[in-house]
Amino acid sequence: MDQYEEYTVRFLDCLVTAEALPDVIVIENFEAHPKPGDVPVVGREWIPDTTLGVAWYLLNNYFQ
Protein backbone atom coordinates (compact mmCIF):
# COMPACT_ATOMS: atom_id res chain seq x y z
CA MET A 1 0.00 0.00 0.00
CA ASP A 2 1.61 3.24 -1.05
CA GLN A 3 -0.47 5.39 1.34
CA TYR A 4 0.09 3.32 4.46
CA GLU A 5 1.75 6.15 6.40
CA GLU A 6 -0.74 8.78 5.21
CA TYR A 7 -3.78 6.74 6.28
CA THR A 8 -2.19 5.92 9.63
CA VAL A 9 -1.44 9.60 10.31
CA ARG A 10 -4.98 10.62 9.36
CA PHE A 11 -6.43 8.01 11.72
CA LEU A 12 -4.18 9.03 14.61
CA ASP A 13 -4.97 12.71 14.04
CA CYS A 14 -8.65 11.83 14.54
CA LEU A 15 -7.75 10.10 17.81
CA VAL A 16 -5.71 13.10 18.94
CA THR A 17 -8.62 15.45 18.15
CA ALA A 18 -10.95 13.23 20.18
CA GLU A 19 -8.36 13.08 23.00
CA ALA A 20 -8.37 9.30 22.58
CA LEU A 21 -4.77 8.55 21.60
CA PRO A 22 -3.85 5.14 23.08
CA ASP A 23 -0.84 4.52 25.30
CA VAL A 24 0.23 1.57 23.17
CA ILE A 25 -0.10 1.03 19.43
CA VAL A 26 0.83 -1.93 17.23
CA ILE A 27 2.06 -1.29 13.70
CA GLU A 28 1.12 -4.12 11.37
CA ASN A 29 1.15 -4.28 7.61
CA PHE A 30 -1.32 -6.81 6.29
CA GLU A 31 -3.80 -7.24 3.49
CA ALA A 32 -7.17 -8.88 4.02
CA HIS A 33 -6.94 -10.86 0.76
CA PRO A 34 -3.26 -11.11 -0.21
CA LYS A 35 -2.14 -12.53 -3.52
CA PRO A 36 -0.59 -16.01 -3.23
CA GLY A 37 3.02 -15.69 -2.13
CA ASP A 38 2.65 -11.98 -1.25
CA VAL A 39 4.83 -11.05 1.74
CA PRO A 40 4.17 -7.90 3.83
CA VAL A 41 6.91 -5.27 3.53
CA VAL A 42 8.68 -4.71 6.84
CA GLY A 43 11.19 -2.36 5.21
CA ARG A 44 13.56 0.03 6.91
CA GLU A 45 12.69 2.87 9.27
CA TRP A 46 13.69 5.55 6.73
CA ILE A 47 11.41 4.17 4.00
CA PRO A 48 7.81 5.52 4.20
CA ASP A 49 4.86 3.16 3.73
CA THR A 50 6.63 0.18 5.28
CA THR A 51 5.94 -1.29 8.71
CA LEU A 52 9.15 0.11 10.22
CA GLY A 53 8.83 3.42 8.37
CA VAL A 54 5.38 4.06 9.81
CA ALA A 55 6.44 2.91 13.29
CA TRP A 56 9.45 5.25 13.22
CA TYR A 57 7.29 8.18 12.08
CA LEU A 58 4.74 7.58 14.86
CA LEU A 59 7.43 7.15 17.49
CA ASN A 60 8.97 10.50 16.59
CA ASN A 61 5.76 12.44 15.99
CA TYR A 62 3.16 11.03 18.39
CA PHE A 63 4.88 9.02 21.11
CA GLN A 64 7.97 11.03 22.04
PDB file of N, CA and C in Angstrom:
ATOM      1  N   MET A   1       0.854  -1.172   0.000  1.00  0.00           N
ATOM      2  CA  MET A   1       0.000   0.000   0.000  1.00  0.00           C
ATOM      3  C   MET A   1       0.896   1.229   0.000  1.00  0.00           C
ATOM      4  N   ASP A   2       0.736   2.085  -0.960  1.00  0.00           N
ATOM      5  CA  ASP A   2       1.611   3.243  -1.053  1.00  0.00           C
ATOM      6  C   ASP A   2       1.117   4.443  -0.245  1.00  0.00           C
ATOM      7  N   GLN A   3       0.021   4.310   0.479  1.00  0.00           N
ATOM      8  CA  GLN A   3      -0.465   5.391   1.337  1.00  0.00           C
ATOM      9  C   GLN A   3      -0.604   4.924   2.786  1.00  0.00           C
ATOM     10  N   TYR A   4       0.148   3.914   3.130  1.00  0.00           N
ATOM     11  CA  TYR A   4       0.090   3.316   4.462  1.00  0.00           C
ATOM     12  C   TYR A   4       0.332   4.379   5.541  1.00  0.00           C
ATOM     13  N   GLU A   5       1.430   5.133   5.403  1.00  0.00           N
ATOM     14  CA  GLU A   5       1.751   6.152   6.404  1.00  0.00           C
ATOM     15  C   GLU A   5       0.688   7.248   6.424  1.00  0.00           C
ATOM     16  N   GLU A   6       0.259   7.707   5.271  1.00  0.00           N
ATOM     17  CA  GLU A   6      -0.736   8.779   5.206  1.00  0.00           C
ATOM     18  C   GLU A   6      -2.037   8.384   5.906  1.00  0.00           C
ATOM     19  N   TYR A   7      -2.534   7.190   5.641  1.00  0.00           N
ATOM     20  CA  TYR A   7      -3.778   6.739   6.277  1.00  0.00           C
ATOM     21  C   TYR A   7      -3.607   6.563   7.788  1.00  0.00           C
ATOM     22  N   THR A   8      -2.449   6.086   8.202  1.00  0.00           N
ATOM     23  CA  THR A   8      -2.186   5.923   9.629  1.00  0.00           C
ATOM     24  C   THR A   8      -2.165   7.274  10.328  1.00  0.00           C
ATOM     25  N   VAL A   9      -1.503   8.256   9.732  1.00  0.00           N
ATOM     26  CA  VAL A   9      -1.439   9.603  10.307  1.00  0.00           C
ATOM     27  C   VAL A   9      -2.836  10.216  10.380  1.00  0.00           C
ATOM     28  N   ARG A  10      -3.617  10.069   9.347  1.00  0.00           N
ATOM     29  CA  ARG A  10      -4.980  10.623   9.362  1.00  0.00           C
ATOM     30  C   ARG A  10      -5.813  10.003  10.479  1.00  0.00           C
ATOM     31  N   PHE A  11      -5.690   8.691  10.668  1.00  0.00           N
ATOM     32  CA  PHE A  11      -6.432   8.013  11.724  1.00  0.00           C
ATOM     33  C   PHE A  11      -5.990   8.501  13.104  1.00  0.00           C
ATOM     34  N   LEU A  12      -4.677   8.580  13.313  1.00  0.00           N
ATOM     35  CA  LEU A  12      -4.182   9.028  14.615  1.00  0.00           C
ATOM     36  C   LEU A  12      -4.523  10.488  14.881  1.00  0.00           C
ATOM     37  N   ASP A  13      -4.547  11.319  13.854  1.00  0.00           N
ATOM     38  CA  ASP A  13      -4.972  12.711  14.043  1.00  0.00           C
ATOM     39  C   ASP A  13      -6.411  12.779  14.537  1.00  0.00           C
ATOM     40  N   CYS A  14      -7.257  11.886  14.045  1.00  0.00           N
ATOM     41  CA  CYS A  14      -8.651  11.828  14.542  1.00  0.00           C
ATOM     42  C   CYS A  14      -8.667  11.441  16.015  1.00  0.00           C
ATOM     43  N   LEU A  15      -7.822  10.493  16.407  1.00  0.00           N
ATOM     44  CA  LEU A  15      -7.754  10.096  17.810  1.00  0.00           C
ATOM     45  C   LEU A  15      -7.234  11.233  18.683  1.00  0.00           C
ATOM     46  N   VAL A  16      -6.249  11.963  18.198  1.00  0.00           N
ATOM     47  CA  VAL A  16      -5.711  13.103  18.945  1.00  0.00           C
ATOM     48  C   VAL A  16      -6.797  14.152  19.129  1.00  0.00           C
ATOM     49  N   THR A  17      -7.542  14.461  18.075  1.00  0.00           N
ATOM     50  CA  THR A  17      -8.622  15.445  18.152  1.00  0.00           C
ATOM     51  C   THR A  17      -9.673  15.028  19.173  1.00  0.00           C
ATOM     52  N   ALA A  18      -9.951  13.748  19.239  1.00  0.00           N
ATOM     53  CA  ALA A  18     -10.951  13.226  20.179  1.00  0.00           C
ATOM     54  C   ALA A  18     -10.356  12.969  21.567  1.00  0.00           C
ATOM     55  N   GLU A  19      -9.077  13.332  21.744  1.00  0.00           N
ATOM     56  CA  GLU A  19      -8.364  13.076  22.998  1.00  0.00           C
ATOM     57  C   GLU A  19      -8.451  11.602  23.384  1.00  0.00           C
ATOM     58  N   ALA A  20      -8.251  10.752  22.382  1.00  0.00           N
ATOM     59  CA  ALA A  20      -8.374   9.304  22.585  1.00  0.00           C
ATOM     60  C   ALA A  20      -7.140   8.544  22.100  1.00  0.00           C
ATOM     61  N   LEU A  21      -5.989   9.210  22.049  1.00  0.00           N
ATOM     62  CA  LEU A  21      -4.770   8.554  21.602  1.00  0.00           C
ATOM     63  C   LEU A  21      -4.389   7.466  22.600  1.00  0.00           C
ATOM     64  N   PRO A  22      -4.174   6.237  22.156  1.00  0.00           N
ATOM     65  CA  PRO A  22      -3.850   5.143  23.077  1.00  0.00           C
ATOM     66  C   PRO A  22      -2.434   5.269  23.628  1.00  0.00           C
ATOM     67  N   ASP A  23      -2.185   4.566  24.718  1.00  0.00           N
ATOM     68  CA  ASP A  23      -0.844   4.524  25.301  1.00  0.00           C
ATOM     69  C   ASP A  23       0.069   3.571  24.544  1.00  0.00           C
ATOM     70  N   VAL A  24      -0.522   2.577  23.903  1.00  0.00           N
ATOM     71  CA  VAL A  24       0.233   1.567  23.166  1.00  0.00           C
ATOM     72  C   VAL A  24      -0.409   1.408  21.800  1.00  0.00           C
ATOM     73  N   ILE A  25       0.428   1.240  20.782  1.00  0.00           N
ATOM     74  CA  ILE A  25      -0.097   1.026  19.432  1.00  0.00           C
ATOM     75  C   ILE A  25       0.756  -0.040  18.755  1.00  0.00           C
ATOM     76  N   VAL A  26       0.126  -0.880  17.970  1.00  0.00           N
ATOM     77  CA  VAL A  26       0.826  -1.933  17.229  1.00  0.00           C
ATOM     78  C   VAL A  26       0.803  -1.550  15.756  1.00  0.00           C
ATOM     79  N   ILE A  27       1.951  -1.596  15.132  1.00  0.00           N
ATOM     80  CA  ILE A  27       2.064  -1.287  13.704  1.00  0.00           C
ATOM     81  C   ILE A  27       2.142  -2.617  12.963  1.00  0.00           C
ATOM     82  N   GLU A  28       1.163  -2.859  12.126  1.00  0.00           N
ATOM     83  CA  GLU A  28       1.118  -4.116  11.373  1.00  0.00           C
ATOM     84  C   GLU A  28       0.762  -3.797   9.932  1.00  0.00           C
ATOM     85  N   ASN A  29       1.391  -4.473   9.026  1.00  0.00           N
ATOM     86  CA  ASN A  29       1.146  -4.285   7.606  1.00  0.00           C
ATOM     87  C   ASN A  29       0.569  -5.592   7.077  1.00  0.00           C
ATOM     88  N   PHE A  30      -0.707  -5.600   6.803  1.00  0.00           N
ATOM     89  CA  PHE A  30      -1.317  -6.811   6.285  1.00  0.00           C
ATOM     90  C   PHE A  30      -2.372  -6.437   5.260  1.00  0.00           C
ATOM     91  N   GLU A  31      -2.765  -7.409   4.497  1.00  0.00           N
ATOM     92  CA  GLU A  31      -3.799  -7.236   3.487  1.00  0.00           C
ATOM     93  C   GLU A  31      -4.846  -8.319   3.737  1.00  0.00           C
ATOM     94  N   ALA A  32      -6.101  -7.934   3.716  1.00  0.00           N
ATOM     95  CA  ALA A  32      -7.173  -8.883   4.017  1.00  0.00           C
ATOM     96  C   ALA A  32      -7.191 -10.062   3.043  1.00  0.00           C
ATOM     97  N   HIS A  33      -6.914  -9.807   1.779  1.00  0.00           N
ATOM     98  CA  HIS A  33      -6.936 -10.857   0.762  1.00  0.00           C
ATOM     99  C   HIS A  33      -5.649 -10.782  -0.063  1.00  0.00           C
ATOM    100  N   PRO A  34      -4.521 -11.211   0.515  1.00  0.00           N
ATOM    101  CA  PRO A  34      -3.256 -11.107  -0.211  1.00  0.00           C
ATOM    102  C   PRO A  34      -3.193 -12.046  -1.401  1.00  0.00           C
ATOM    103  N   LYS A  35      -2.389 -11.666  -2.368  1.00  0.00           N
ATOM    104  CA  LYS A  35      -2.138 -12.533  -3.515  1.00  0.00           C
ATOM    105  C   LYS A  35      -1.293 -13.710  -3.030  1.00  0.00           C
ATOM    106  N   PRO A  36      -1.407 -14.861  -3.642  1.00  0.00           N
ATOM    107  CA  PRO A  36      -0.586 -16.012  -3.232  1.00  0.00           C
ATOM    108  C   PRO A  36       0.902 -15.666  -3.275  1.00  0.00           C
ATOM    109  N   GLY A  37       1.589 -15.964  -2.191  1.00  0.00           N
ATOM    110  CA  GLY A  37       3.022 -15.694  -2.126  1.00  0.00           C
ATOM    111  C   GLY A  37       3.374 -14.260  -1.774  1.00  0.00           C
ATOM    112  N   ASP A  38       2.391 -13.377  -1.569  1.00  0.00           N
ATOM    113  CA  ASP A  38       2.654 -11.976  -1.245  1.00  0.00           C
ATOM    114  C   ASP A  38       3.140 -11.877   0.204  1.00  0.00           C
ATOM    115  N   VAL A  39       4.249 -11.202   0.406  1.00  0.00           N
ATOM    116  CA  VAL A  39       4.834 -11.054   1.741  1.00  0.00           C
ATOM    117  C   VAL A  39       4.735  -9.589   2.162  1.00  0.00           C
ATOM    118  N   PRO A  40       4.224  -9.290   3.370  1.00  0.00           N
ATOM    119  CA  PRO A  40       4.171  -7.899   3.832  1.00  0.00           C
ATOM    120  C   PRO A  40       5.575  -7.274   3.857  1.00  0.00           C
ATOM    121  N   VAL A  41       5.644  -5.979   3.582  1.00  0.00           N
ATOM    122  CA  VAL A  41       6.912  -5.275   3.533  1.00  0.00           C
ATOM    123  C   VAL A  41       7.233  -4.695   4.904  1.00  0.00           C
ATOM    124  N   VAL A  42       8.238  -5.259   5.556  1.00  0.00           N
ATOM    125  CA  VAL A  42       8.679  -4.714   6.844  1.00  0.00           C
ATOM    126  C   VAL A  42       9.510  -3.471   6.580  1.00  0.00           C
ATOM    127  N   GLY A  43      10.413  -3.516   5.632  1.00  0.00           N
ATOM    128  CA  GLY A  43      11.186  -2.357   5.207  1.00  0.00           C
ATOM    129  C   GLY A  43      12.206  -1.879   6.215  1.00  0.00           C
ATOM    130  N   ARG A  44      12.621  -0.654   6.029  1.00  0.00           N
ATOM    131  CA  ARG A  44      13.563   0.026   6.913  1.00  0.00           C
ATOM    132  C   ARG A  44      12.869   1.256   7.483  1.00  0.00           C
ATOM    133  N   GLU A  45      13.363   1.750   8.614  1.00  0.00           N
ATOM    134  CA  GLU A  45      12.685   2.869   9.267  1.00  0.00           C
ATOM    135  C   GLU A  45      12.717   4.163   8.457  1.00  0.00           C
ATOM    136  N   TRP A  46      13.618   4.324   7.529  1.00  0.00           N
ATOM    137  CA  TRP A  46      13.689   5.547   6.730  1.00  0.00           C
ATOM    138  C   TRP A  46      12.874   5.457   5.430  1.00  0.00           C
ATOM    139  N   ILE A  47      12.210   4.329   5.212  1.00  0.00           N
ATOM    140  CA  ILE A  47      11.405   4.166   4.004  1.00  0.00           C
ATOM    141  C   ILE A  47       9.919   4.296   4.369  1.00  0.00           C
ATOM    142  N   PRO A  48       9.238   5.361   3.897  1.00  0.00           N
ATOM    143  CA  PRO A  48       7.810   5.517   4.196  1.00  0.00           C
ATOM    144  C   PRO A  48       6.992   4.355   3.640  1.00  0.00           C
ATOM    145  N   ASP A  49       5.818   4.162   4.193  1.00  0.00           N
ATOM    146  CA  ASP A  49       4.861   3.158   3.729  1.00  0.00           C
ATOM    147  C   ASP A  49       5.342   1.719   3.914  1.00  0.00           C
ATOM    148  N   THR A  50       6.246   1.515   4.857  1.00  0.00           N
ATOM    149  CA  THR A  50       6.631   0.176   5.285  1.00  0.00           C
ATOM    150  C   THR A  50       6.297   0.077   6.767  1.00  0.00           C
ATOM    151  N   THR A  51       6.275  -1.110   7.300  1.00  0.00           N
ATOM    152  CA  THR A  51       5.942  -1.286   8.710  1.00  0.00           C
ATOM    153  C   THR A  51       6.900  -0.493   9.602  1.00  0.00           C
ATOM    154  N   LEU A  52       8.193  -0.628   9.394  1.00  0.00           N
ATOM    155  CA  LEU A  52       9.152   0.108  10.217  1.00  0.00           C
ATOM    156  C   LEU A  52       9.136   1.598   9.934  1.00  0.00           C
ATOM    157  N   GLY A  53       8.903   1.990   8.699  1.00  0.00           N
ATOM    158  CA  GLY A  53       8.829   3.418   8.369  1.00  0.00           C
ATOM    159  C   GLY A  53       7.694   4.110   9.099  1.00  0.00           C
ATOM    160  N   VAL A  54       6.539   3.486   9.116  1.00  0.00           N
ATOM    161  CA  VAL A  54       5.381   4.062   9.811  1.00  0.00           C
ATOM    162  C   VAL A  54       5.616   4.055  11.322  1.00  0.00           C
ATOM    163  N   ALA A  55       6.158   2.978  11.851  1.00  0.00           N
ATOM    164  CA  ALA A  55       6.435   2.909  13.288  1.00  0.00           C
ATOM    165  C   ALA A  55       7.410   4.006  13.703  1.00  0.00           C
ATOM    166  N   TRP A  56       8.453   4.213  12.920  1.00  0.00           N
ATOM    167  CA  TRP A  56       9.448   5.246  13.218  1.00  0.00           C
ATOM    168  C   TRP A  56       8.800   6.631  13.183  1.00  0.00           C
ATOM    169  N   TYR A  57       7.976   6.883  12.185  1.00  0.00           N
ATOM    170  CA  TYR A  57       7.289   8.182  12.078  1.00  0.00           C
ATOM    171  C   TYR A  57       6.408   8.424  13.313  1.00  0.00           C
ATOM    172  N   LEU A  58       5.631   7.417  13.701  1.00  0.00           N
ATOM    173  CA  LEU A  58       4.737   7.580  14.859  1.00  0.00           C
ATOM    174  C   LEU A  58       5.527   7.762  16.146  1.00  0.00           C
ATOM    175  N   LEU A  59       6.607   7.027  16.302  1.00  0.00           N
ATOM    176  CA  LEU A  59       7.430   7.151  17.492  1.00  0.00           C
ATOM    177  C   LEU A  59       7.964   8.575  17.635  1.00  0.00           C
ATOM    178  N   ASN A  60       8.370   9.160  16.543  1.00  0.00           N
ATOM    179  CA  ASN A  60       8.971  10.496  16.586  1.00  0.00           C
ATOM    180  C   ASN A  60       7.965  11.639  16.538  1.00  0.00           C
ATOM    181  N   ASN A  61       6.726  11.362  16.138  1.00  0.00           N
ATOM    182  CA  ASN A  61       5.758  12.444  15.993  1.00  0.00           C
ATOM    183  C   ASN A  61       4.555  12.345  16.926  1.00  0.00           C
ATOM    184  N   TYR A  62       4.307  11.189  17.506  1.00  0.00           N
ATOM    185  CA  TYR A  62       3.161  11.028  18.388  1.00  0.00           C
ATOM    186  C   TYR A  62       3.532  10.519  19.769  1.00  0.00           C
ATOM    187  N   PHE A  63       4.546   9.692  19.859  1.00  0.00           N
ATOM    188  CA  PHE A  63       4.883   9.022  21.108  1.00  0.00           C
ATOM    189  C   PHE A  63       6.305   9.339  21.535  1.00  0.00           C
ATOM    190  N   GLN A  64       6.600  10.601  21.709  1.00  0.00           N
ATOM    191  CA  GLN A  64       7.968  11.026  22.040  1.00  0.00           C
ATOM    192  C   GLN A  64       8.274  10.805  23.496  1.00  0.00           C
TER     193      GLN A  64
END
